[in-house]
C-alpha atoms as a PDB file:
ATOM      1  CA  MET A   1      91.038 165.328 -43.460  1.00  0.00           C
ATOM      2  CA  GLY A   2      87.694 165.483 -44.360  1.00  0.00           C
ATOM      3  CA  SER A   3      84.542 166.892 -42.310  1.00  0.00           C
ATOM      4  CA  ALA A   4      83.286 163.266 -41.666  1.00  0.00           C
ATOM      5  CA  THR A   5      86.765 161.901 -40.514  1.00  0.00           C
ATOM      6  CA  ARG A   6      86.945 164.701 -37.970  1.00  0.00           C
ATOM      7  CA  GLU A   7      83.697 163.950 -36.150  1.00  0.00           C
ATOM      8  CA  ALA A   8      84.619 160.537 -36.304  1.00  0.00           C
ATOM      9  CA  LEU A   9      87.898 160.822 -34.826  1.00  0.00           C
ATOM     10  CA  ALA A  10      86.517 163.067 -32.120  1.00  0.00           C
ATOM     11  CA  GLN A  11      84.061 160.421 -31.113  1.00  0.00           C
ATOM     12  CA  ALA A  12      86.623 158.009 -31.043  1.00  0.00           C
ATOM     13  CA  VAL A  13      88.918 160.405 -28.808  1.00  0.00           C
ATOM     14  CA  ASP A  14      85.751 161.071 -26.559  1.00  0.00           C
ATOM     15  CA  ALA A  15      85.390 157.098 -26.421  1.00  0.00           C
ATOM     16  CA  LEU A  16      88.979 156.760 -25.143  1.00  0.00           C
ATOM     17  CA  GLY A  17      88.606 159.241 -22.431  1.00  0.00           C
ATOM     18  CA  ALA A  18      85.787 157.591 -21.306  1.00  0.00           C
ATOM     19  CA  VAL A  19      87.349 154.519 -20.378  1.00  0.00           C
ATOM     20  CA  SER A  20      90.529 156.288 -19.678  1.00  0.00           C
ATOM     21  CA  GLY A  21      90.622 154.448 -16.155  1.00  0.00           C
ATOM     22  CA  SER A  22      91.186 151.034 -17.831  1.00  0.00           C
ATOM     23  CA  VAL A  23      93.689 152.142 -20.485  1.00  0.00           C
ATOM     24  CA  ASP A  24      96.945 150.952 -19.729  1.00  0.00           C
ATOM     25  CA  LEU A  25     100.202 150.177 -22.362  1.00  0.00           C
ATOM     26  CA  ALA A  26      98.457 146.953 -23.112  1.00  0.00           C
ATOM     27  CA  THR A  27      95.911 148.644 -24.808  1.00  0.00           C
ATOM     28  CA  ALA A  28      97.958 150.854 -27.000  1.00  0.00           C
ATOM     29  CA  ALA A  29      99.918 147.870 -28.342  1.00  0.00           C
ATOM     30  CA  SER A  30      96.562 146.066 -28.851  1.00  0.00           C
ATOM     31  CA  LEU A  31      95.221 149.284 -30.770  1.00  0.00           C
ATOM     32  CA  LEU A  32      98.214 149.722 -32.745  1.00  0.00           C
ATOM     33  CA  ASP A  33      98.418 145.967 -33.605  1.00  0.00           C
ATOM     34  CA  ALA A  34      94.580 145.818 -34.557  1.00  0.00           C
ATOM     35  CA  GLY A  35      95.138 149.025 -36.884  1.00  0.00           C
ATOM     36  CA  ARG A  36      97.846 146.917 -38.744  1.00  0.00           C
ATOM     37  CA  VAL A  37      95.884 143.786 -39.297  1.00  0.00           C
ATOM     38  CA  ILE A  38      92.598 145.773 -40.476  1.00  0.00           C
ATOM     39  CA  ASP A  39      95.268 147.885 -42.907  1.00  0.00           C
ATOM     40  CA  GLY A  40      96.693 144.779 -43.844  1.00  0.00           C
ATOM     41  CA  SER A  41      93.160 143.281 -45.295  1.00  0.00           C
ATOM     42  CA  ALA A  42      91.528 145.325 -48.097  1.00  0.00           C
ATOM     43  CA  GLN A  43      88.243 143.569 -47.690  1.00  0.00           C
ATOM     44  CA  LEU A  44      87.934 144.112 -43.919  1.00  0.00           C
ATOM     45  CA  ARG A  45      89.328 147.832 -44.279  1.00  0.00           C
ATOM     46  CA  THR A  46      86.831 148.476 -46.991  1.00  0.00           C
ATOM     47  CA  LEU A  47      84.083 146.934 -45.098  1.00  0.00           C
ATOM     48  CA  ILE A  48      84.446 148.496 -41.940  1.00  0.00           C
ATOM     49  CA  ALA A  49      84.803 152.051 -43.619  1.00  0.00           C
ATOM     50  CA  ASP A  50      81.773 151.550 -45.896  1.00  0.00           C
ATOM     51  CA  PRO A  51      78.847 153.653 -44.695  1.00  0.00           C
ATOM     52  CA  ALA A  52      76.270 151.454 -46.261  1.00  0.00           C
ATOM     53  CA  GLU A  53      77.262 148.798 -44.323  1.00  0.00           C
ATOM     54  CA  SER A  54      75.015 148.283 -41.113  1.00  0.00           C
ATOM     55  CA  ALA A  55      76.875 148.692 -37.707  1.00  0.00           C
ATOM     56  CA  ASP A  56      76.089 145.496 -36.927  1.00  0.00           C
ATOM     57  CA  THR A  57      77.704 143.839 -40.030  1.00  0.00           C
ATOM     58  CA  LYS A  58      80.817 145.610 -38.989  1.00  0.00           C
ATOM     59  CA  THR A  59      80.877 144.768 -35.241  1.00  0.00           C
ATOM     60  CA  LYS A  60      80.472 140.792 -36.340  1.00  0.00           C
ATOM     61  CA  ALA A  61      83.492 141.202 -38.752  1.00  0.00           C
ATOM     62  CA  LEU A  62      85.611 142.702 -36.065  1.00  0.00           C
ATOM     63  CA  ALA A  63      84.637 139.910 -33.417  1.00  0.00           C
ATOM     64  CA  ARG A  64      85.234 137.306 -36.150  1.00  0.00           C
ATOM     65  CA  VAL A  65      88.660 138.703 -36.991  1.00  0.00           C
ATOM     66  CA  PHE A  66      90.157 139.676 -33.768  1.00  0.00           C
ATOM     67  CA  GLY A  67      87.482 137.219 -31.318  1.00  0.00           C
ATOM     68  CA  ASP A  68      89.085 136.948 -28.029  1.00  0.00           C
ATOM     69  CA  GLN A  69      92.641 138.247 -28.761  1.00  0.00           C
ATOM     70  CA  VAL A  70      91.462 141.689 -27.680  1.00  0.00           C
ATOM     71  CA  ASN A  71      90.275 142.729 -24.009  1.00  0.00           C
ATOM     72  CA  GLU A  72      86.897 144.428 -23.637  1.00  0.00           C
ATOM     73  CA  THR A  73      88.075 148.124 -23.559  1.00  0.00           C
ATOM     74  CA  VAL A  74      89.887 147.363 -27.115  1.00  0.00           C
ATOM     75  CA  SER A  75      86.932 145.820 -28.789  1.00  0.00           C
ATOM     76  CA  SER A  76      84.844 148.739 -27.414  1.00  0.00           C
ATOM     77  CA  LEU A  77      86.917 151.153 -29.111  1.00  0.00           C
ATOM     78  CA  LEU A  78      87.440 149.312 -32.316  1.00  0.00           C
ATOM     79  CA  GLU A  79      83.391 148.933 -32.264  1.00  0.00           C
ATOM     80  CA  THR A  80      83.202 152.829 -31.911  1.00  0.00           C
ATOM     81  CA  THR A  81      85.620 153.173 -34.828  1.00  0.00           C
ATOM     82  CA  ALA A  82      83.704 151.078 -37.041  1.00  0.00           C
ATOM     83  CA  ARG A  83      80.320 152.400 -36.215  1.00  0.00           C
ATOM     84  CA  ALA A  84      81.393 156.088 -37.008  1.00  0.00           C
ATOM     85  CA  ARG A  85      81.427 157.558 -40.443  1.00  0.00           C
ATOM     86  CA  TRP A  86      85.073 158.272 -41.715  1.00  0.00           C
ATOM     87  CA  SER A  87      85.839 160.164 -45.142  1.00  0.00           C
ATOM     88  CA  SER A  88      87.858 156.922 -46.316  1.00  0.00           C
ATOM     89  CA  ALA A  89      89.267 153.319 -45.320  1.00  0.00           C
ATOM     90  CA  ASP A  90      92.762 155.144 -45.285  1.00  0.00           C
ATOM     91  CA  ASP A  91      91.514 157.780 -42.531  1.00  0.00           C
ATOM     92  CA  LEU A  92      89.793 154.593 -40.440  1.00  0.00           C
ATOM     93  CA  VAL A  93      93.273 153.137 -40.474  1.00  0.00           C
ATOM     94  CA  ALA A  94      94.781 156.503 -39.288  1.00  0.00           C
ATOM     95  CA  GLY A  95      92.293 156.880 -36.517  1.00  0.00           C
ATOM     96  CA  ILE A  96      92.788 153.846 -34.952  1.00  0.00           C
ATOM     97  CA  GLU A  97      96.417 154.449 -34.718  1.00  0.00           C
ATOM     98  CA  GLU A  98      96.039 157.654 -33.294  1.00  0.00           C
ATOM     99  CA  LEU A  99      93.904 155.920 -30.177  1.00  0.00           C
ATOM    100  CA  GLY A 100      96.544 153.521 -30.137  1.00  0.00           C
ATOM    101  CA  VAL A 101      99.159 156.469 -29.565  1.00  0.00           C
ATOM    102  CA  ARG A 102      96.948 158.478 -27.455  1.00  0.00           C
ATOM    103  CA  ALA A 103      96.527 155.299 -25.390  1.00  0.00           C
ATOM    104  CA  ALA A 104     100.215 155.139 -24.840  1.00  0.00           C
ATOM    105  CA  ALA A 105     100.335 158.684 -23.780  1.00  0.00           C
ATOM    106  CA  LEU A 106      97.553 157.556 -21.429  1.00  0.00           C
ATOM    107  CA  GLY A 107      98.964 154.514 -19.922  1.00  0.00           C
ATOM    108  CA  SER A 108     102.361 156.086 -19.348  1.00  0.00           C
ATOM    109  CA  SER A 109     101.460 159.326 -18.349  1.00  0.00           C
ATOM    110  CA  ASP A 110     105.012 160.284 -16.770  1.00  0.00           C
ATOM    111  CA  ALA A 111     107.122 159.040 -19.854  1.00  0.00           C
ATOM    112  CA  PRO A 112     108.755 161.437 -21.960  1.00  0.00           C
ATOM    113  CA  ILE A 113     107.559 160.058 -24.916  1.00  0.00           C
ATOM    114  CA  GLU A 114     107.591 162.972 -27.122  1.00  0.00           C
ATOM    115  CA  SER A 115     111.101 164.150 -26.607  1.00  0.00           C
ATOM    116  CA  GLU A 116     112.211 160.220 -27.279  1.00  0.00           C
ATOM    117  CA  LEU A 117     110.363 159.928 -30.475  1.00  0.00           C
ATOM    118  CA  PHE A 118     112.029 163.144 -31.626  1.00  0.00           C
ATOM    119  CA  GLN A 119     115.442 162.115 -30.494  1.00  0.00           C
ATOM    120  CA  PHE A 120     114.955 158.841 -32.005  1.00  0.00           C
ATOM    121  CA  GLY A 121     114.228 160.215 -35.251  1.00  0.00           C
ATOM    122  CA  GLU A 122     116.748 162.329 -35.269  1.00  0.00           C
ATOM    123  CA  VAL A 123     119.032 159.454 -34.836  1.00  0.00           C
ATOM    124  CA  VAL A 124     117.383 157.382 -37.815  1.00  0.00           C
ATOM    125  CA  THR A 125     117.293 160.591 -39.918  1.00  0.00           C
ATOM    126  CA  ASN A 126     121.030 161.003 -39.370  1.00  0.00           C
ATOM    127  CA  ASN A 127     121.923 157.653 -40.374  1.00  0.00           C
ATOM    128  CA  ALA A 128     121.169 156.891 -44.035  1.00  0.00           C
ATOM    129  CA  GLU A 129     121.839 152.903 -43.402  1.00  0.00           C
ATOM    130  CA  LEU A 130     119.285 152.649 -40.375  1.00  0.00           C
ATOM    131  CA  GLU A 131     116.931 154.688 -42.367  1.00  0.00           C
ATOM    132  CA  LEU A 132     117.051 152.550 -45.303  1.00  0.00           C
ATOM    133  CA  ALA A 133     116.638 149.338 -43.283  1.00  0.00           C
ATOM    134  CA  LEU A 134     113.408 150.747 -41.225  1.00  0.00           C
ATOM    135  CA  SER A 135     111.996 152.383 -44.326  1.00  0.00           C
ATOM    136  CA  SER A 136     112.450 149.760 -47.042  1.00  0.00           C
ATOM    137  CA  LYS A 137     109.096 148.248 -48.654  1.00  0.00           C
ATOM    138  CA  LEU A 138     111.314 144.662 -49.112  1.00  0.00           C
ATOM    139  CA  GLY A 139     111.994 144.685 -45.325  1.00  0.00           C
ATOM    140  CA  ASP A 140     110.366 142.329 -43.021  1.00  0.00           C
ATOM    141  CA  PRO A 141     107.900 144.149 -40.483  1.00  0.00           C
ATOM    142  CA  GLU A 142     108.451 142.153 -37.591  1.00  0.00           C
ATOM    143  CA  ARG A 143     112.317 142.206 -38.316  1.00  0.00           C
ATOM    144  CA  LYS A 144     112.347 146.046 -37.976  1.00  0.00           C
ATOM    145  CA  ALA A 145     110.424 145.876 -34.967  1.00  0.00           C
ATOM    146  CA  ASP A 146     112.860 143.840 -33.363  1.00  0.00           C
ATOM    147  CA  VAL A 147     115.724 146.103 -34.625  1.00  0.00           C
ATOM    148  CA  VAL A 148     113.737 149.350 -33.019  1.00  0.00           C
ATOM    149  CA  THR A 149     113.154 147.403 -29.738  1.00  0.00           C
ATOM    150  CA  ARG A 150     116.961 146.361 -29.350  1.00  0.00           C
ATOM    151  CA  LEU A 151     118.237 150.087 -30.339  1.00  0.00           C
ATOM    152  CA  LEU A 152     115.400 151.517 -27.616  1.00  0.00           C
ATOM    153  CA  SER A 153     115.556 149.040 -25.059  1.00  0.00           C
ATOM    154  CA  GLY A 154     117.114 150.416 -21.623  1.00  0.00           C
ATOM    155  CA  LYS A 155     117.319 153.920 -23.536  1.00  0.00           C
ATOM    156  CA  ALA A 156     113.503 155.102 -24.150  1.00  0.00           C
ATOM    157  CA  SER A 157     110.144 154.242 -22.202  1.00  0.00           C
ATOM    158  CA  GLU A 158     108.033 151.604 -22.728  1.00  0.00           C
ATOM    159  CA  ALA A 159     105.630 153.464 -24.033  1.00  0.00           C
ATOM    160  CA  THR A 160     107.819 154.707 -26.988  1.00  0.00           C
ATOM    161  CA  VAL A 161     108.748 151.515 -28.021  1.00  0.00           C
ATOM    162  CA  ILE A 162     105.653 150.241 -28.176  1.00  0.00           C
ATOM    163  CA  ILE A 163     104.608 153.176 -30.518  1.00  0.00           C
ATOM    164  CA  VAL A 164     107.776 153.041 -32.719  1.00  0.00           C
ATOM    165  CA  SER A 165     107.961 149.387 -33.223  1.00  0.00           C
ATOM    166  CA  ARG A 166     104.452 149.158 -34.219  1.00  0.00           C
ATOM    167  CA  LEU A 167     104.451 152.271 -36.624  1.00  0.00           C
ATOM    168  CA  ILE A 168     107.587 150.957 -37.920  1.00  0.00           C
ATOM    169  CA  GLN A 169     105.742 148.136 -39.434  1.00  0.00           C
ATOM    170  CA  GLN A 170     103.021 150.126 -40.814  1.00  0.00           C
ATOM    171  CA  PRO A 171     104.485 153.360 -42.159  1.00  0.00           C
ATOM    172  CA  ARG A 172     101.453 153.881 -44.680  1.00  0.00           C
ATOM    173  CA  GLY A 173     103.837 155.730 -47.329  1.00  0.00           C
ATOM    174  CA  ARG A 174     105.384 158.118 -44.154  1.00  0.00           C
ATOM    175  CA  ARG A 175     109.179 158.710 -44.084  1.00  0.00           C
ATOM    176  CA  ILE A 176     110.432 157.683 -40.346  1.00  0.00           C
ATOM    177  CA  GLY A 177     110.746 160.862 -39.481  1.00  0.00           C
ATOM    178  CA  LYS A 178     107.460 162.215 -40.513  1.00  0.00           C
ATOM    179  CA  LEU A 179     105.883 159.156 -38.813  1.00  0.00           C
ATOM    180  CA  LEU A 180     107.534 159.825 -35.408  1.00  0.00           C
ATOM    181  CA  ARG A 181     106.903 163.686 -35.514  1.00  0.00           C
ATOM    182  CA  ASP A 182     103.126 162.774 -36.404  1.00  0.00           C
ATOM    183  CA  ALA A 183     103.082 160.402 -33.320  1.00  0.00           C
ATOM    184  CA  ALA A 184     104.803 163.049 -31.110  1.00  0.00           C
ATOM    185  CA  SER A 185     102.074 165.594 -31.531  1.00  0.00           C
ATOM    186  CA  VAL A 186      99.445 163.024 -30.969  1.00  0.00           C
ATOM    187  CA  VAL A 187     101.017 162.263 -27.632  1.00  0.00           C
ATOM    188  CA  ALA A 188     101.464 166.036 -26.750  1.00  0.00           C
ATOM    189  CA  ASP A 189      97.773 166.818 -27.578  1.00  0.00           C
ATOM    190  CA  GLN A 190      96.749 163.734 -25.431  1.00  0.00           C
ATOM    191  CA  ARG A 191      98.453 165.532 -22.557  1.00  0.00           C
ATOM    192  CA  GLY A 192      97.153 168.946 -23.756  1.00  0.00           C
ATOM    193  CA  ARG A 193     100.256 170.625 -25.087  1.00  0.00           C
ATOM    194  CA  THR A 194     101.836 171.363 -28.242  1.00  0.00           C
ATOM    195  CA  VAL A 195     105.103 170.556 -29.490  1.00  0.00           C
ATOM    196  CA  ALA A 196     107.423 173.192 -31.236  1.00  0.00           C
ATOM    197  CA  THR A 197     110.670 172.372 -32.760  1.00  0.00           C
ATOM    198  CA  VAL A 198     113.035 174.896 -32.366  1.00  0.00           C
ATOM    199  CA  THR A 199     116.321 175.051 -34.718  1.00  0.00           C
ATOM    200  CA  SER A 200     118.989 177.770 -33.655  1.00  0.00           C
ATOM    201  CA  ALA A 201     122.266 178.377 -34.745  1.00  0.00           C
ATOM    202  CA  SER A 202     123.712 177.838 -31.130  1.00  0.00           C
ATOM    203  CA  PRO A 203     122.444 176.506 -28.186  1.00  0.00           C
ATOM    204  CA  LEU A 204     119.482 178.784 -26.501  1.00  0.00           C
ATOM    205  CA  SER A 205     119.865 179.685 -23.044  1.00  0.00           C
ATOM    206  CA  ASP A 206     117.068 178.612 -20.305  1.00  0.00           C
ATOM    207  CA  ALA A 207     116.114 182.500 -20.262  1.00  0.00           C
ATOM    208  CA  GLN A 208     115.567 182.605 -23.703  1.00  0.00           C
ATOM    209  CA  LEU A 209     113.931 179.173 -23.811  1.00  0.00           C
ATOM    210  CA  ASP A 210     111.653 180.466 -20.893  1.00  0.00           C
ATOM    211  CA  ARG A 211     110.632 183.682 -23.092  1.00  0.00           C
ATOM    212  CA  LEU A 212     109.997 181.758 -25.842  1.00  0.00           C
ATOM    213  CA  ARG A 213     107.800 179.358 -24.154  1.00  0.00           C
ATOM    214  CA  GLU A 214     105.723 182.287 -22.628  1.00  0.00           C
ATOM    215  CA  ARG A 215     105.207 183.649 -25.931  1.00  0.00           C
ATOM    216  CA  LEU A 216     103.961 180.640 -27.738  1.00  0.00           C
ATOM    217  CA  SER A 217     101.878 179.450 -24.839  1.00  0.00           C
ATOM    218  CA  ALA A 218     100.088 182.713 -24.950  1.00  0.00           C
ATOM    219  CA  SER A 219      99.581 182.561 -28.777  1.00  0.00           C
ATOM    220  CA  TYR A 220      98.724 178.436 -28.785  1.00  0.00           C
ATOM    221  CA  GLY A 221      96.361 178.627 -25.592  1.00  0.00           C
ATOM    222  CA  ARG A 222      98.309 175.501 -23.995  1.00  0.00           C
ATOM    223  CA  ASP A 223     101.421 174.453 -22.640  1.00  0.00           C
ATOM    224  CA  ILE A 224     104.505 174.049 -24.998  1.00  0.00           C
ATOM    225  CA  THR A 225     106.835 171.487 -25.236  1.00  0.00           C
ATOM    226  CA  PHE A 226     110.454 171.936 -27.270  1.00  0.00           C
ATOM    227  CA  ASN A 227     112.247 169.677 -29.302  1.00  0.00           C
ATOM    228  CA  LEU A 228     115.695 171.463 -29.514  1.00  0.00           C
ATOM    229  CA  VAL A 229     118.134 171.362 -32.647  1.00  0.00           C
ATOM    230  CA  VAL A 230     121.023 173.329 -33.196  1.00  0.00           C
ATOM    231  CA  ASP A 231     122.166 174.133 -36.728  1.00  0.00           C
ATOM    232  CA  PRO A 232     125.160 176.407 -37.600  1.00  0.00           C
ATOM    233  CA  ALA A 233     123.792 176.271 -41.036  1.00  0.00           C
ATOM    234  CA  LEU A 234     121.211 179.037 -39.889  1.00  0.00           C
ATOM    235  CA  ILE A 235     123.888 181.474 -39.126  1.00  0.00           C
ATOM    236  CA  GLY A 236     121.793 183.164 -36.299  1.00  0.00           C
ATOM    237  CA  GLY A 237     118.480 183.315 -35.095  1.00  0.00           C
ATOM    238  CA  MET A 238     116.108 180.210 -35.303  1.00  0.00           C
ATOM    239  CA  ARG A 239     113.535 178.544 -37.108  1.00  0.00           C
ATOM    240  CA  ILE A 240     110.254 177.389 -35.186  1.00  0.00           C
ATOM    241  CA  GLN A 241     107.948 174.480 -36.138  1.00  0.00           C
ATOM    242  CA  ALA A 242     104.723 173.853 -34.420  1.00  0.00           C
ATOM    243  CA  GLY A 243     102.401 171.575 -36.482  1.00  0.00           C
ATOM    244  CA  ASP A 244     101.938 173.251 -39.785  1.00  0.00           C
ATOM    245  CA  ASP A 245     102.839 176.532 -38.693  1.00  0.00           C
ATOM    246  CA  VAL A 246     106.557 177.548 -39.567  1.00  0.00           C
ATOM    247  CA  ILE A 247     108.285 180.608 -38.180  1.00  0.00           C
ATOM    248  CA  ASP A 248     111.457 181.186 -40.076  1.00  0.00           C
ATOM    249  CA  ALA A 249     113.513 183.929 -38.097  1.00  0.00           C
ATOM    250  CA  SER A 250     117.190 182.688 -39.222  1.00  0.00           C
ATOM    251  CA  ILE A 251     119.676 184.743 -40.622  1.00  0.00           C
ATOM    252  CA  SER A 252     120.430 182.249 -43.409  1.00  0.00           C
ATOM    253  CA  SER A 253     116.456 182.807 -44.428  1.00  0.00           C
ATOM    254  CA  ARG A 254     116.973 186.431 -44.562  1.00  0.00           C
ATOM    255  CA  LEU A 255     119.999 186.224 -46.752  1.00  0.00           C
ATOM    256  CA  GLY A 256     117.950 183.683 -48.970  1.00  0.00           C
ATOM    257  CA  ASP A 257     115.410 186.193 -49.393  1.00  0.00           C
ATOM    258  CA  LEU A 258     117.868 189.021 -50.016  1.00  0.00           C
ATOM    259  CA  LYS A 259     119.550 187.133 -52.572  1.00  0.00           C
ATOM    260  CA  LEU A 260     115.787 186.639 -54.364  1.00  0.00           C
ATOM    261  CA  LYS A 261     115.182 190.109 -54.528  1.00  0.00           C
ATOM    262  CA  LEU A 262     118.671 191.214 -55.883  1.00  0.00           C
ATOM    263  CA  ALA A 263     118.209 188.647 -58.312  1.00  0.00           C
ATOM    264  CA  GLY A 264     114.816 190.113 -59.030  1.00  0.00           C
END
C-alpha cells in the first residue's frame, strides 16, 4: 500500500467515523454496491482515481452515475474517497470496499461477524465444488450472491450476508478464503480488535486460550478475537497467525526444520 493510499484511506475512515450515527446496514450494502459499479467501469474508475482531475469533475461524475440511488451519507463518503489521492485505481476500489465492510461492522455492532466470515471461509475452502462455483470467473455474479444468501440465511447475521454476498461478486483476484479473512480483519479493526487464527493439533482449553489472549493482547496493544482450527497434522503445539504475523510453534514445523538441518 502506497503512502498516498494510506493517507486517503485514513481520511475515508475518519469520514465514516464522523457520520457513524447515520450508518446502518443499508449504508454498508450501498457502499459495497457502489464499489462494484466503479470497479466495473474502467472509465469511471480511472477518472475518479486520476489526481489530475478536479474534485468537482469527480463528484459530478459520481452524481451522474449514482444520482438518487444512494442516500446523503453514502454520497458524502463516496465524494470523500473521490477527492482523496490514491496510489492506484485498484486502491481506490479497495478503499470503498473497506468502507463498506467497516459500515457493516458499525451497523451491526453486536453480531459475531468476524467468526461468521471465518466459518464460512472454512466451509468454502473444504468444499471444492462450492469454491469452484463461487470463484469461477465464468459464473454470473448475481447468481453467486443468491447462492451465498441461501447458504447463510438463518445461520449468519444480516451484516455477514451483506458482506459475503457483495464481495463474492467482486473478488478482485482473491481466493474466497483470502477475501473473507481480509474482511474479518477489517471488521475486527473497526471494533478495536485483532483477529488471530490459532491452529492446534487438539482443542485448546479455556485456560490456555485465556493465557494466549492475555499475551497477544499485551503484544498488540488491543483486544484479541480468536478463530480456532484443529489440525492433527501439527502433531502438537500450535500455529498463530495475526495479520501478516505468523508464529509457528508446532511440532510438525520443528520436525520439518530438523529434517532440513539433517539434509544440509
